Amino acid sequence: TAYLSDGSALDVTKDEAISWSSDNSA
């Protein structure tokens, strides 16, 4: 969830601007 400067919140879970990673891929 991205919290914005106008006080709103936006679900960005699937947004292309977000990349996901794990610190231990094993």
mmCIF file of all heavy atoms, coordinates in Angstrom:
data_MODEL
# 
_entry.id   MODEL 
# 
loop_
_atom_site.group_PDB 
_atom_site.id 
_atom_site.type_symbol 
_atom_site.label_atom_id 
_atom_site.label_alt_id 
_atom_site.label_comp_id 
_atom_site.label_asym_id 
_atom_site.label_entity_id 
_atom_site.label_seq_id 
_atom_site.pdbx_PDB_ins_code 
_atom_site.Cartn_x 
_atom_site.Cartn_y 
_atom_site.Cartn_z 
_atom_site.occupancy 
_atom_site.B_iso_or_equiv 
_atom_site.pdbx_formal_charge 
_atom_site.auth_seq_id 
_atom_site.auth_comp_id 
_atom_site.auth_asym_id 
_atom_site.auth_atom_id 
_atom_site.pdbx_PDB_model_num 
ATOM 1   N N   . THR A 1 1  ? 0.845  -1.191  0.000   1.00 0.00 ? 1  THR A N   1 
ATOM 2   C CA  . THR A 1 1  ? 0.000  0.000   0.000   1.00 0.00 ? 1  THR A CA  1 
ATOM 3   C C   . THR A 1 1  ? 0.881  1.241   0.000   1.00 0.00 ? 1  THR A C   1 
ATOM 4   O O   . THR A 1 1  ? 1.766  1.381   0.848   1.00 0.00 ? 1  THR A O   1 
ATOM 5   C CB  . THR A 1 1  ? -0.927 0.022   1.241   1.00 0.00 ? 1  THR A CB  1 
ATOM 6   O OG1 . THR A 1 1  ? -1.693 -1.176  1.269   1.00 0.00 ? 1  THR A OG1 1 
ATOM 7   C CG2 . THR A 1 1  ? -1.855 1.220   1.210   1.00 0.00 ? 1  THR A CG2 1 
ATOM 8   N N   . ALA A 1 2  ? 0.638  2.122   -0.969  1.00 0.00 ? 2  ALA A N   1 
ATOM 9   C CA  . ALA A 1 2  ? 1.351  3.388   -1.038  1.00 0.00 ? 2  ALA A CA  1 
ATOM 10  C C   . ALA A 1 2  ? 0.490  4.452   -0.361  1.00 0.00 ? 2  ALA A C   1 
ATOM 11  O O   . ALA A 1 2  ? -0.696 4.583   -0.665  1.00 0.00 ? 2  ALA A O   1 
ATOM 12  C CB  . ALA A 1 2  ? 1.614  3.775   -2.485  1.00 0.00 ? 2  ALA A CB  1 
ATOM 13  N N   . TYR A 1 3  ? 1.074  5.189   0.571   1.00 0.00 ? 3  TYR A N   1 
ATOM 14  C CA  . TYR A 1 3  ? 0.389  6.296   1.223   1.00 0.00 ? 3  TYR A CA  1 
ATOM 15  C C   . TYR A 1 3  ? 0.875  7.587   0.574   1.00 0.00 ? 3  TYR A C   1 
ATOM 16  O O   . TYR A 1 3  ? 2.070  7.830   0.479   1.00 0.00 ? 3  TYR A O   1 
ATOM 17  C CB  . TYR A 1 3  ? 0.644  6.271   2.733   1.00 0.00 ? 3  TYR A CB  1 
ATOM 18  C CG  . TYR A 1 3  ? -0.062 5.098   3.372   1.00 0.00 ? 3  TYR A CG  1 
ATOM 19  C CD1 . TYR A 1 3  ? 0.574  3.870   3.515   1.00 0.00 ? 3  TYR A CD1 1 
ATOM 20  C CD2 . TYR A 1 3  ? -1.387 5.211   3.784   1.00 0.00 ? 3  TYR A CD2 1 
ATOM 21  C CE1 . TYR A 1 3  ? -0.095 2.778   4.066   1.00 0.00 ? 3  TYR A CE1 1 
ATOM 22  C CE2 . TYR A 1 3  ? -2.061 4.123   4.338   1.00 0.00 ? 3  TYR A CE2 1 
ATOM 23  C CZ  . TYR A 1 3  ? -1.403 2.914   4.472   1.00 0.00 ? 3  TYR A CZ  1 
ATOM 24  O OH  . TYR A 1 3  ? -2.071 1.837   5.013   1.00 0.00 ? 3  TYR A OH  1 
ATOM 25  N N   . LEU A 1 4  ? -0.091 8.388   0.088   1.00 0.00 ? 4  LEU A N   1 
ATOM 26  C CA  . LEU A 1 4  ? 0.222  9.558   -0.717  1.00 0.00 ? 4  LEU A CA  1 
ATOM 27  C C   . LEU A 1 4  ? 0.160  10.857  0.065   1.00 0.00 ? 4  LEU A C   1 
ATOM 28  O O   . LEU A 1 4  ? -0.455 10.937  1.129   1.00 0.00 ? 4  LEU A O   1 
ATOM 29  C CB  . LEU A 1 4  ? -0.743 9.614   -1.910  1.00 0.00 ? 4  LEU A CB  1 
ATOM 30  C CG  . LEU A 1 4  ? -0.842 8.329   -2.736  1.00 0.00 ? 4  LEU A CG  1 
ATOM 31  C CD1 . LEU A 1 4  ? -1.854 8.500   -3.849  1.00 0.00 ? 4  LEU A CD1 1 
ATOM 32  C CD2 . LEU A 1 4  ? 0.511  7.935   -3.281  1.00 0.00 ? 4  LEU A CD2 1 
ATOM 33  N N   . SER A 1 5  ? 0.764  11.888  -0.510  1.00 0.00 ? 5  SER A N   1 
ATOM 34  C CA  . SER A 1 5  ? 0.847  13.196  0.141   1.00 0.00 ? 5  SER A CA  1 
ATOM 35  C C   . SER A 1 5  ? -0.502 13.866  0.320   1.00 0.00 ? 5  SER A C   1 
ATOM 36  O O   . SER A 1 5  ? -0.648 14.754  1.158   1.00 0.00 ? 5  SER A O   1 
ATOM 37  C CB  . SER A 1 5  ? 1.780  14.115  -0.649  1.00 0.00 ? 5  SER A CB  1 
ATOM 38  O OG  . SER A 1 5  ? 1.305  14.272  -1.977  1.00 0.00 ? 5  SER A OG  1 
ATOM 39  N N   . ASP A 1 6  ? -1.516 13.446  -0.434  1.00 0.00 ? 6  ASP A N   1 
ATOM 40  C CA  . ASP A 1 6  ? -2.843 14.042  -0.272  1.00 0.00 ? 6  ASP A CA  1 
ATOM 41  C C   . ASP A 1 6  ? -3.686 13.306  0.771   1.00 0.00 ? 6  ASP A C   1 
ATOM 42  O O   . ASP A 1 6  ? -4.874 13.575  0.930   1.00 0.00 ? 6  ASP A O   1 
ATOM 43  C CB  . ASP A 1 6  ? -3.581 14.091  -1.617  1.00 0.00 ? 6  ASP A CB  1 
ATOM 44  C CG  . ASP A 1 6  ? -3.896 12.717  -2.189  1.00 0.00 ? 6  ASP A CG  1 
ATOM 45  O OD1 . ASP A 1 6  ? -3.542 11.695  -1.565  1.00 0.00 ? 6  ASP A OD1 1 
ATOM 46  O OD2 . ASP A 1 6  ? -4.496 12.661  -3.277  1.00 0.00 ? 6  ASP A OD2 1 
ATOM 47  N N   . GLY A 1 7  ? -3.068 12.363  1.498   1.00 0.00 ? 7  GLY A N   1 
ATOM 48  C CA  . GLY A 1 7  ? -3.764 11.634  2.554   1.00 0.00 ? 7  GLY A CA  1 
ATOM 49  C C   . GLY A 1 7  ? -4.432 10.350  2.088   1.00 0.00 ? 7  GLY A C   1 
ATOM 50  O O   . GLY A 1 7  ? -4.977 9.604   2.889   1.00 0.00 ? 7  GLY A O   1 
ATOM 51  N N   . SER A 1 8  ? -4.382 10.061  0.805   1.00 0.00 ? 8  SER A N   1 
ATOM 52  C CA  . SER A 1 8  ? -5.025 8.849   0.295   1.00 0.00 ? 8  SER A CA  1 
ATOM 53  C C   . SER A 1 8  ? -4.059 7.671   0.329   1.00 0.00 ? 8  SER A C   1 
ATOM 54  O O   . SER A 1 8  ? -2.848 7.829   0.495   1.00 0.00 ? 8  SER A O   1 
ATOM 55  C CB  . SER A 1 8  ? -5.552 9.082   -1.121  1.00 0.00 ? 8  SER A CB  1 
ATOM 56  O OG  . SER A 1 8  ? -4.490 9.354   -2.001  1.00 0.00 ? 8  SER A OG  1 
ATOM 57  N N   . ALA A 1 9  ? -4.621 6.483   0.164   1.00 0.00 ? 9  ALA A N   1 
ATOM 58  C CA  . ALA A 1 9  ? -3.840 5.256   0.117   1.00 0.00 ? 9  ALA A CA  1 
ATOM 59  C C   . ALA A 1 9  ? -4.206 4.518   -1.159  1.00 0.00 ? 9  ALA A C   1 
ATOM 60  O O   . ALA A 1 9  ? -5.348 4.561   -1.617  1.00 0.00 ? 9  ALA A O   1 
ATOM 61  C CB  . ALA A 1 9  ? -4.124 4.399   1.332   1.00 0.00 ? 9  ALA A CB  1 
ATOM 62  N N   . LEU A 1 10 ? -3.231 3.842   -1.734  1.00 0.00 ? 10 LEU A N   1 
ATOM 63  C CA  . LEU A 1 10 ? -3.439 3.159   -3.004  1.00 0.00 ? 10 LEU A CA  1 
ATOM 64  C C   . LEU A 1 10 ? -2.812 1.775   -2.950  1.00 0.00 ? 10 LEU A C   1 
ATOM 65  O O   . LEU A 1 10 ? -1.643 1.630   -2.573  1.00 0.00 ? 10 LEU A O   1 
ATOM 66  C CB  . LEU A 1 10 ? -2.793 3.984   -4.121  1.00 0.00 ? 10 LEU A CB  1 
ATOM 67  C CG  . LEU A 1 10 ? -2.953 3.530   -5.551  1.00 0.00 ? 10 LEU A CG  1 
ATOM 68  C CD1 . LEU A 1 10 ? -4.436 3.538   -5.959  1.00 0.00 ? 10 LEU A CD1 1 
ATOM 69  C CD2 . LEU A 1 10 ? -2.165 4.447   -6.472  1.00 0.00 ? 10 LEU A CD2 1 
ATOM 70  N N   . ASP A 1 11 ? -3.598 0.744   -3.291  1.00 0.00 ? 11 ASP A N   1 
ATOM 71  C CA  . ASP A 1 11 ? -3.074 -0.623  -3.358  1.00 0.00 ? 11 ASP A CA  1 
ATOM 72  C C   . ASP A 1 11 ? -2.205 -0.716  -4.606  1.00 0.00 ? 11 ASP A C   1 
ATOM 73  O O   . ASP A 1 11 ? -2.695 -0.617  -5.723  1.00 0.00 ? 11 ASP A O   1 
ATOM 74  C CB  . ASP A 1 11 ? -4.229 -1.626  -3.416  1.00 0.00 ? 11 ASP A CB  1 
ATOM 75  C CG  . ASP A 1 11 ? -3.761 -3.074  -3.487  1.00 0.00 ? 11 ASP A CG  1 
ATOM 76  O OD1 . ASP A 1 11 ? -2.559 -3.322  -3.717  1.00 0.00 ? 11 ASP A OD1 1 
ATOM 77  O OD2 . ASP A 1 11 ? -4.606 -3.967  -3.307  1.00 0.00 ? 11 ASP A OD2 1 
ATOM 78  N N   . VAL A 1 12 ? -0.908 -0.906  -4.423  1.00 0.00 ? 12 VAL A N   1 
ATOM 79  C CA  . VAL A 1 12 ? 0.028  -0.984  -5.539  1.00 0.00 ? 12 VAL A CA  1 
ATOM 80  C C   . VAL A 1 12 ? 0.652  -2.377  -5.648  1.00 0.00 ? 12 VAL A C   1 
ATOM 81  O O   . VAL A 1 12 ? 1.695  -2.550  -6.279  1.00 0.00 ? 12 VAL A O   1 
ATOM 82  C CB  . VAL A 1 12 ? 1.122  0.103   -5.418  1.00 0.00 ? 12 VAL A CB  1 
ATOM 83  C CG1 . VAL A 1 12 ? 0.520  1.490   -5.571  1.00 0.00 ? 12 VAL A CG1 1 
ATOM 84  C CG2 . VAL A 1 12 ? 1.879  -0.019  -4.103  1.00 0.00 ? 12 VAL A CG2 1 
ATOM 85  N N   . THR A 1 13 ? -0.017 -3.361  -5.082  1.00 0.00 ? 13 THR A N   1 
ATOM 86  C CA  . THR A 1 13 ? 0.500  -4.722  -5.047  1.00 0.00 ? 13 THR A CA  1 
ATOM 87  C C   . THR A 1 13 ? 0.905  -5.224  -6.425  1.00 0.00 ? 13 THR A C   1 
ATOM 88  O O   . THR A 1 13 ? 1.952  -5.847  -6.589  1.00 0.00 ? 13 THR A O   1 
ATOM 89  C CB  . THR A 1 13 ? -0.550 -5.673  -4.434  1.00 0.00 ? 13 THR A CB  1 
ATOM 90  O OG1 . THR A 1 13 ? -0.903 -5.176  -3.130  1.00 0.00 ? 13 THR A OG1 1 
ATOM 91  C CG2 . THR A 1 13 ? -0.032 -7.079  -4.311  1.00 0.00 ? 13 THR A CG2 1 
ATOM 92  N N   . LYS A 1 14 ? 0.082  -4.960  -7.429  1.00 0.00 ? 14 LYS A N   1 
ATOM 93  C CA  . LYS A 1 14 ? 0.344  -5.474  -8.784  1.00 0.00 ? 14 LYS A CA  1 
ATOM 94  C C   . LYS A 1 14 ? 0.859  -4.403  -9.733  1.00 0.00 ? 14 LYS A C   1 
ATOM 95  O O   . LYS A 1 14 ? 0.954  -4.634  -10.931 1.00 0.00 ? 14 LYS A O   1 
ATOM 96  C CB  . LYS A 1 14 ? -0.929 -6.113  -9.337  1.00 0.00 ? 14 LYS A CB  1 
ATOM 97  C CG  . LYS A 1 14 ? -1.351 -7.333  -8.545  1.00 0.00 ? 14 LYS A CG  1 
ATOM 98  C CD  . LYS A 1 14 ? -2.594 -7.964  -9.101  1.00 0.00 ? 14 LYS A CD  1 
ATOM 99  C CE  . LYS A 1 14 ? -3.000 -9.163  -8.266  1.00 0.00 ? 14 LYS A CE  1 
ATOM 100 N NZ  . LYS A 1 14 ? -4.214 -9.799  -8.770  1.00 0.00 ? 14 LYS A NZ  1 
ATOM 101 N N   . ASP A 1 15 ? 1.207  -3.244  -9.208  1.00 0.00 ? 15 ASP A N   1 
ATOM 102 C CA  . ASP A 1 15 ? 1.685  -2.152  -10.048 1.00 0.00 ? 15 ASP A CA  1 
ATOM 103 C C   . ASP A 1 15 ? 3.055  -2.508  -10.618 1.00 0.00 ? 15 ASP A C   1 
ATOM 104 O O   . ASP A 1 15 ? 3.912  -3.045  -9.916  1.00 0.00 ? 15 ASP A O   1 
ATOM 105 C CB  . ASP A 1 15 ? 1.789  -0.869  -9.218  1.00 0.00 ? 15 ASP A CB  1 
ATOM 106 C CG  . ASP A 1 15 ? 1.980  0.350   -10.083 1.00 0.00 ? 15 ASP A CG  1 
ATOM 107 O OD1 . ASP A 1 15 ? 3.037  0.468   -10.732 1.00 0.00 ? 15 ASP A OD1 1 
ATOM 108 O OD2 . ASP A 1 15 ? 1.071  1.207   -10.099 1.00 0.00 ? 15 ASP A OD2 1 
ATOM 109 N N   . GLU A 1 16 ? 3.254  -2.217  -11.905 1.00 0.00 ? 16 GLU A N   1 
ATOM 110 C CA  . GLU A 1 16 ? 4.527  -2.524  -12.558 1.00 0.00 ? 16 GLU A CA  1 
ATOM 111 C C   . GLU A 1 16 ? 5.697  -1.749  -11.964 1.00 0.00 ? 16 GLU A C   1 
ATOM 112 O O   . GLU A 1 16 ? 6.851  -2.132  -12.132 1.00 0.00 ? 16 GLU A O   1 
ATOM 113 C CB  . GLU A 1 16 ? 4.437  -2.246  -14.059 1.00 0.00 ? 16 GLU A CB  1 
ATOM 114 C CG  . GLU A 1 16 ? 3.573  -3.234  -14.797 1.00 0.00 ? 16 GLU A CG  1 
ATOM 115 C CD  . GLU A 1 16 ? 3.558  -2.984  -16.298 1.00 0.00 ? 16 GLU A CD  1 
ATOM 116 O OE1 . GLU A 1 16 ? 3.894  -1.873  -16.744 1.00 0.00 ? 16 GLU A OE1 1 
ATOM 117 O OE2 . GLU A 1 16 ? 3.213  -3.921  -17.024 1.00 0.00 ? 16 GLU A OE2 1 
ATOM 118 N N   . ALA A 1 17 ? 5.422  -0.658  -11.255 1.00 0.00 ? 17 ALA A N   1 
ATOM 119 C CA  . ALA A 1 17 ? 6.488  0.134   -10.653 1.00 0.00 ? 17 ALA A CA  1 
ATOM 120 C C   . ALA A 1 17 ? 7.033  -0.519  -9.380  1.00 0.00 ? 17 ALA A C   1 
ATOM 121 O O   . ALA A 1 17 ? 8.087  -0.127  -8.882  1.00 0.00 ? 17 ALA A O   1 
ATOM 122 C CB  . ALA A 1 17 ? 5.977  1.537   -10.326 1.00 0.00 ? 17 ALA A CB  1 
ATOM 123 N N   . ILE A 1 18 ? 6.319  -1.517  -8.874  1.00 0.00 ? 18 ILE A N   1 
ATOM 124 C CA  . ILE A 1 18 ? 6.732  -2.212  -7.651  1.00 0.00 ? 18 ILE A CA  1 
ATOM 125 C C   . ILE A 1 18 ? 7.441  -3.504  -8.023  1.00 0.00 ? 18 ILE A C   1 
ATOM 126 O O   . ILE A 1 18 ? 6.948  -4.285  -8.816  1.00 0.00 ? 18 ILE A O   1 
ATOM 127 C CB  . ILE A 1 18 ? 5.509  -2.538  -6.758  1.00 0.00 ? 18 ILE A CB  1 
ATOM 128 C CG1 . ILE A 1 18 ? 4.753  -1.270  -6.384  1.00 0.00 ? 18 ILE A CG1 1 
ATOM 129 C CG2 . ILE A 1 18 ? 5.912  -3.320  -5.529  1.00 0.00 ? 18 ILE A CG2 1 
ATOM 130 C CD1 . ILE A 1 18 ? 5.547  -0.296  -5.545  1.00 0.00 ? 18 ILE A CD1 1 
ATOM 131 N N   . SER A 1 19 ? 8.604  -3.722  -7.436  1.00 0.00 ? 19 SER A N   1 
ATOM 132 C CA  . SER A 1 19 ? 9.286  -4.999  -7.642  1.00 0.00 ? 19 SER A CA  1 
ATOM 133 C C   . SER A 1 19 ? 9.367  -5.708  -6.290  1.00 0.00 ? 19 SER A C   1 
ATOM 134 O O   . SER A 1 19 ? 9.556  -5.082  -5.254  1.00 0.00 ? 19 SER A O   1 
ATOM 135 C CB  . SER A 1 19 ? 10.679 -4.798  -8.241  1.00 0.00 ? 19 SER A CB  1 
ATOM 136 O OG  . SER A 1 19 ? 11.496 -4.051  -7.368  1.00 0.00 ? 19 SER A OG  1 
ATOM 137 N N   . TRP A 1 20 ? 9.191  -6.997  -6.324  1.00 0.00 ? 20 TRP A N   1 
ATOM 138 C CA  . TRP A 1 20 ? 9.193  -7.818  -5.117  1.00 0.00 ? 20 TRP A CA  1 
ATOM 139 C C   . TRP A 1 20 ? 10.440 -8.682  -5.103  1.00 0.00 ? 20 TRP A C   1 
ATOM 140 O O   . TRP A 1 20 ? 10.906 -9.153  -6.137  1.00 0.00 ? 20 TRP A O   1 
ATOM 141 C CB  . TRP A 1 20 ? 7.961  -8.717  -5.088  1.00 0.00 ? 20 TRP A CB  1 
ATOM 142 C CG  . TRP A 1 20 ? 6.668  -7.966  -4.937  1.00 0.00 ? 20 TRP A CG  1 
ATOM 143 C CD1 . TRP A 1 20 ? 5.919  -7.404  -5.928  1.00 0.00 ? 20 TRP A CD1 1 
ATOM 144 C CD2 . TRP A 1 20 ? 5.983  -7.688  -3.729  1.00 0.00 ? 20 TRP A CD2 1 
ATOM 145 N NE1 . TRP A 1 20 ? 4.793  -6.804  -5.407  1.00 0.00 ? 20 TRP A NE1 1 
ATOM 146 C CE2 . TRP A 1 20 ? 4.812  -6.962  -4.051  1.00 0.00 ? 20 TRP A CE2 1 
ATOM 147 C CE3 . TRP A 1 20 ? 6.221  -7.976  -2.383  1.00 0.00 ? 20 TRP A CE3 1 
ATOM 148 C CZ2 . TRP A 1 20 ? 3.910  -6.527  -3.101  1.00 0.00 ? 20 TRP A CZ2 1 
ATOM 149 C CZ3 . TRP A 1 20 ? 5.312  -7.547  -1.438  1.00 0.00 ? 20 TRP A CZ3 1 
ATOM 150 C CH2 . TRP A 1 20 ? 4.181  -6.829  -1.786  1.00 0.00 ? 20 TRP A CH2 1 
ATOM 151 N N   . SER A 1 21 ? 10.988 -8.899  -3.906  1.00 0.00 ? 21 SER A N   1 
ATOM 152 C CA  . SER A 1 21 ? 12.136 -9.776  -3.773  1.00 0.00 ? 21 SER A CA  1 
ATOM 153 C C   . SER A 1 21 ? 12.134 -10.405 -2.397  1.00 0.00 ? 21 SER A C   1 
ATOM 154 O O   . SER A 1 21 ? 11.431 -9.970  -1.483  1.00 0.00 ? 21 SER A O   1 
ATOM 155 C CB  . SER A 1 21 ? 13.445 -8.986  -3.991  1.00 0.00 ? 21 SER A CB  1 
ATOM 156 O OG  . SER A 1 21 ? 13.594 -8.014  -2.974  1.00 0.00 ? 21 SER A OG  1 
ATOM 157 N N   . SER A 1 22 ? 12.914 -11.450 -2.251  1.00 0.00 ? 22 SER A N   1 
ATOM 158 C CA  . SER A 1 22 ? 13.078 -12.146 -0.980  1.00 0.00 ? 22 SER A CA  1 
ATOM 159 C C   . SER A 1 22 ? 14.551 -12.058 -0.592  1.00 0.00 ? 22 SER A C   1 
ATOM 160 O O   . SER A 1 22 ? 15.429 -12.149 -1.456  1.00 0.00 ? 22 SER A O   1 
ATOM 161 C CB  . SER A 1 22 ? 12.661 -13.617 -1.140  1.00 0.00 ? 22 SER A CB  1 
ATOM 162 O OG  . SER A 1 22 ? 13.070 -14.368 -0.011  1.00 0.00 ? 22 SER A OG  1 
ATOM 163 N N   . ASP A 1 23 ? 14.826 -11.906 0.695   1.00 0.00 ? 23 ASP A N   1 
ATOM 164 C CA  . ASP A 1 23 ? 16.215 -11.866 1.120   1.00 0.00 ? 23 ASP A CA  1 
ATOM 165 C C   . ASP A 1 23 ? 16.822 -13.274 1.190   1.00 0.00 ? 23 ASP A C   1 
ATOM 166 O O   . ASP A 1 23 ? 18.020 -13.416 1.375   1.00 0.00 ? 23 ASP A O   1 
ATOM 167 C CB  . ASP A 1 23 ? 16.365 -11.137 2.459   1.00 0.00 ? 23 ASP A CB  1 
ATOM 168 C CG  . ASP A 1 23 ? 15.810 -11.908 3.640   1.00 0.00 ? 23 ASP A CG  1 
ATOM 169 O OD1 . ASP A 1 23 ? 15.037 -12.864 3.414   1.00 0.00 ? 23 ASP A OD1 1 
ATOM 170 O OD2 . ASP A 1 23 ? 16.127 -11.563 4.779   1.00 0.00 ? 23 ASP A OD2 1 
ATOM 171 N N   . ASN A 1 24 ? 15.976 -14.323 1.026   1.00 0.00 ? 24 ASN A N   1 
ATOM 172 C CA  . ASN A 1 24 ? 16.474 -15.692 1.057   1.00 0.00 ? 24 ASN A CA  1 
ATOM 173 C C   . ASN A 1 24 ? 15.624 -16.543 0.110   1.00 0.00 ? 24 ASN A C   1 
ATOM 174 O O   . ASN A 1 24 ? 14.655 -17.165 0.535   1.00 0.00 ? 24 ASN A O   1 
ATOM 175 C CB  . ASN A 1 24 ? 16.430 -16.237 2.483   1.00 0.00 ? 24 ASN A CB  1 
ATOM 176 C CG  . ASN A 1 24 ? 17.109 -17.582 2.608   1.00 0.00 ? 24 ASN A CG  1 
ATOM 177 O OD1 . ASN A 1 24 ? 17.400 -18.236 1.611   1.00 0.00 ? 24 ASN A OD1 1 
ATOM 178 N ND2 . ASN A 1 24 ? 17.374 -18.001 3.834   1.00 0.00 ? 24 ASN A ND2 1 
ATOM 179 N N   . SER A 1 25 ? 16.006 -16.574 -1.160  1.00 0.00 ? 25 SER A N   1 
ATOM 180 C CA  . SER A 1 25 ? 15.211 -17.285 -2.156  1.00 0.00 ? 25 SER A CA  1 
ATOM 181 C C   . SER A 1 25 ? 15.246 -18.798 -1.969  1.00 0.00 ? 25 SER A C   1 
ATOM 182 O O   . SER A 1 25 ? 14.443 -19.517 -2.566  1.00 0.00 ? 25 SER A O   1 
ATOM 183 C CB  . SER A 1 25 ? 15.654 -16.908 -3.563  1.00 0.00 ? 25 SER A CB  1 
ATOM 184 O OG  . SER A 1 25 ? 17.022 -17.216 -3.738  1.00 0.00 ? 25 SER A OG  1 
ATOM 185 N N   . ALA A 1 26 ? 16.134 -19.315 -1.127  1.00 0.00 ? 26 ALA A N   1 
ATOM 186 C CA  . ALA A 1 26 ? 16.134 -20.751 -0.827  1.00 0.00 ? 26 ALA A CA  1 
ATOM 187 C C   . ALA A 1 26 ? 14.979 -21.108 0.095   1.00 0.00 ? 26 ALA A C   1 
ATOM 188 O O   . ALA A 1 26 ? 14.553 -22.259 0.154   1.00 0.00 ? 26 ALA A O   1 
ATOM 189 C CB  . ALA A 1 26 ? 17.468 -21.155 -0.186  1.00 0.00 ? 26 ALA A CB  1 
# 
